[in-house]
Each structure stands twice: as C-alpha cells, then as structure tokens.
Amino acid sequence: GNAGYAYVALAALFWAISRDLLRYQPLVRVCGWIMVIAGPAYLSIDLQCPLPLWWVLMDSLSCLLIGLTLLWACPKATPR
C-alpha cells in the first residue's frame, strides 16, 4: 500500500529530474542520500515485522543500491 505509492512517487520524481541532470544535480545527490539512508531504515523496520526474508532484502537492498547508483553517477555530470 503505502510503500508502493512512495516508490511510484519517487520514480516519477526521478524521471522528472532525469530530464535535466545538470540543472538538478544537487537534488540528485539529496535523493541519493535519502535512498542510502532508507536502506538501513527499511531493514530495521522490516526486521521488526513478520515479513519474509525476500521482502526484507528487496526493500532494504533496492533502496541502498538505488541510492549508491545515484551518488556514483552524479559526479559524472559537469555543471554548465
């Protein structure tokens, strides 16, 4: 429910940002750090709930990997 909506909203935001990476480079970094922090946060929350291991790993690792990918790719863009 709620997490699914958050993922769709973030995907729409990332798509809009991707249309002009140079302009939104600081925002890309913020989004990257938010996702990196979300990885351990989701891990902590999910481990307290009776969720299957695959779900816990999907939530935490996907957020962490998306965040790290954004941060890794961001310095490659050069400001105008």
C-alpha atoms as a PDB file:
ATOM      1  CA  GLY A   1       0.000   0.000   0.000  1.00  0.00           C
ATOM      2  CA  ASN A   2       1.857   2.997   1.307  1.00  0.00           C
ATOM      3  CA  ALA A   3       5.343   1.850   0.342  1.00  0.00           C
ATOM      4  CA  GLY A   4       4.155   1.063  -3.179  1.00  0.00           C
ATOM      5  CA  TYR A   5       2.810   4.578  -3.581  1.00  0.00           C
ATOM      6  CA  ALA A   6       6.072   6.023  -2.248  1.00  0.00           C
ATOM      7  CA  TYR A   7       8.042   4.006  -4.812  1.00  0.00           C
ATOM      8  CA  VAL A   8       5.832   5.216  -7.664  1.00  0.00           C
ATOM      9  CA  ALA A   9       6.077   8.824  -6.454  1.00  0.00           C
ATOM     10  CA  LEU A  10       9.872   8.574  -6.221  1.00  0.00           C
ATOM     11  CA  ALA A  11      10.049   7.013  -9.673  1.00  0.00           C
ATOM     12  CA  ALA A  12       8.046   9.927 -11.115  1.00  0.00           C
ATOM     13  CA  LEU A  13      10.300  12.415  -9.316  1.00  0.00           C
ATOM     14  CA  PHE A  14      13.456  10.676 -10.550  1.00  0.00           C
ATOM     15  CA  TRP A  15      12.089  10.610 -14.095  1.00  0.00           C
ATOM     16  CA  ALA A  16      11.379  14.357 -13.984  1.00  0.00           C
ATOM     17  CA  ILE A  17      14.836  15.073 -12.557  1.00  0.00           C
ATOM     18  CA  SER A  18      16.493  12.866 -15.189  1.00  0.00           C
ATOM     19  CA  ARG A  19      15.219  15.184 -17.925  1.00  0.00           C
ATOM     20  CA  ASP A  20      17.869  17.776 -16.872  1.00  0.00           C
ATOM     21  CA  LEU A  21      20.566  16.199 -14.709  1.00  0.00           C
ATOM     22  CA  LEU A  22      22.927  19.141 -14.856  1.00  0.00           C
ATOM     23  CA  ARG A  23      20.297  21.527 -13.530  1.00  0.00           C
ATOM     24  CA  TYR A  24      19.125  19.186 -10.771  1.00  0.00           C
ATOM     25  CA  GLN A  25      22.496  17.727  -9.768  1.00  0.00           C
ATOM     26  CA  PRO A  26      22.214  18.902  -6.115  1.00  0.00           C
ATOM     27  CA  LEU A  27      18.753  17.342  -5.917  1.00  0.00           C
ATOM     28  CA  VAL A  28      20.079  14.090  -7.385  1.00  0.00           C
ATOM     29  CA  ARG A  29      22.650  13.966  -4.578  1.00  0.00           C
ATOM     30  CA  VAL A  30      19.967  14.591  -1.949  1.00  0.00           C
ATOM     31  CA  CYS A  31      17.780  11.855  -3.441  1.00  0.00           C
ATOM     32  CA  GLY A  32      20.774   9.515  -3.468  1.00  0.00           C
ATOM     33  CA  TRP A  33      21.498  10.128   0.219  1.00  0.00           C
ATOM     34  CA  ILE A  34      17.826   9.755   1.118  1.00  0.00           C
ATOM     35  CA  MET A  35      17.765   6.362  -0.587  1.00  0.00           C
ATOM     36  CA  VAL A  36      21.055   5.276   1.032  1.00  0.00           C
ATOM     37  CA  ILE A  37      19.612   6.138   4.455  1.00  0.00           C
ATOM     38  CA  ALA A  38      16.327   4.434   3.562  1.00  0.00           C
ATOM     39  CA  GLY A  39      18.120   1.097   3.060  1.00  0.00           C
ATOM     40  CA  PRO A  40      19.080   0.558   6.716  1.00  0.00           C
ATOM     41  CA  ALA A  41      15.848   2.225   7.854  1.00  0.00           C
ATOM     42  CA  TYR A  42      13.758  -0.253   5.859  1.00  0.00           C
ATOM     43  CA  LEU A  43      15.929  -3.090   7.145  1.00  0.00           C
ATOM     44  CA  SER A  44      15.307  -2.047  10.742  1.00  0.00           C
ATOM     45  CA  ILE A  45      11.563  -1.597  10.239  1.00  0.00           C
ATOM     46  CA  ASP A  46      11.107  -4.786   8.207  1.00  0.00           C
ATOM     47  CA  LEU A  47      13.009  -6.944  10.707  1.00  0.00           C
ATOM     48  CA  GLN A  48      10.540  -5.880  13.402  1.00  0.00           C
ATOM     49  CA  CYS A  49       7.597  -7.067  11.297  1.00  0.00           C
ATOM     50  CA  PRO A  50       6.704 -10.632  10.368  1.00  0.00           C
ATOM     51  CA  LEU A  51       7.851 -10.252   6.760  1.00  0.00           C
ATOM     52  CA  PRO A  52       9.513 -12.887   4.591  1.00  0.00           C
ATOM     53  CA  LEU A  53      13.269 -12.559   4.185  1.00  0.00           C
ATOM     54  CA  TRP A  54      12.974 -11.901   0.450  1.00  0.00           C
ATOM     55  CA  TRP A  55      10.759  -8.901   1.199  1.00  0.00           C
ATOM     56  CA  VAL A  56      13.173  -7.515   3.799  1.00  0.00           C
ATOM     57  CA  LEU A  57      16.083  -7.849   1.384  1.00  0.00           C
ATOM     58  CA  MET A  58      14.098  -6.398  -1.524  1.00  0.00           C
ATOM     59  CA  ASP A  59      13.137  -3.293   0.485  1.00  0.00           C
ATOM     60  CA  SER A  60      16.486  -2.579   2.060  1.00  0.00           C
ATOM     61  CA  LEU A  61      18.863  -3.593  -0.720  1.00  0.00           C
ATOM     62  CA  SER A  62      16.905  -1.924  -3.518  1.00  0.00           C
ATOM     63  CA  CYS A  63      16.872   1.409  -1.686  1.00  0.00           C
ATOM     64  CA  LEU A  64      20.556   1.145  -0.825  1.00  0.00           C
ATOM     65  CA  LEU A  65      21.569   0.184  -4.372  1.00  0.00           C
ATOM     66  CA  ILE A  66      19.451   2.890  -5.990  1.00  0.00           C
ATOM     67  CA  GLY A  67      20.950   5.497  -3.661  1.00  0.00           C
ATOM     68  CA  LEU A  68      24.510   4.333  -4.251  1.00  0.00           C
ATOM     69  CA  THR A  69      23.906   4.302  -8.006  1.00  0.00           C
ATOM     70  CA  LEU A  70      22.618   7.882  -7.928  1.00  0.00           C
ATOM     71  CA  LEU A  71      25.609   9.045  -5.891  1.00  0.00           C
ATOM     72  CA  TRP A  72      28.039   7.138  -8.103  1.00  0.00           C
ATOM     73  CA  ALA A  73      26.575   8.559 -11.313  1.00  0.00           C
ATOM     74  CA  CYS A  74      26.110  12.123 -10.092  1.00  0.00           C
ATOM     75  CA  PRO A  75      29.768  13.306 -10.148  1.00  0.00           C
ATOM     76  CA  LYS A  76      29.999  12.294 -13.803  1.00  0.00           C
ATOM     77  CA  ALA A  77      27.794  15.237 -14.759  1.00  0.00           C
ATOM     78  CA  THR A  78      29.547  18.567 -15.106  1.00  0.00           C
ATOM     79  CA  PRO A  79      27.870  21.863 -14.278  1.00  0.00           C
ATOM     80  CA  ARG A  80      27.106  24.286 -17.102  1.00  0.00           C
END
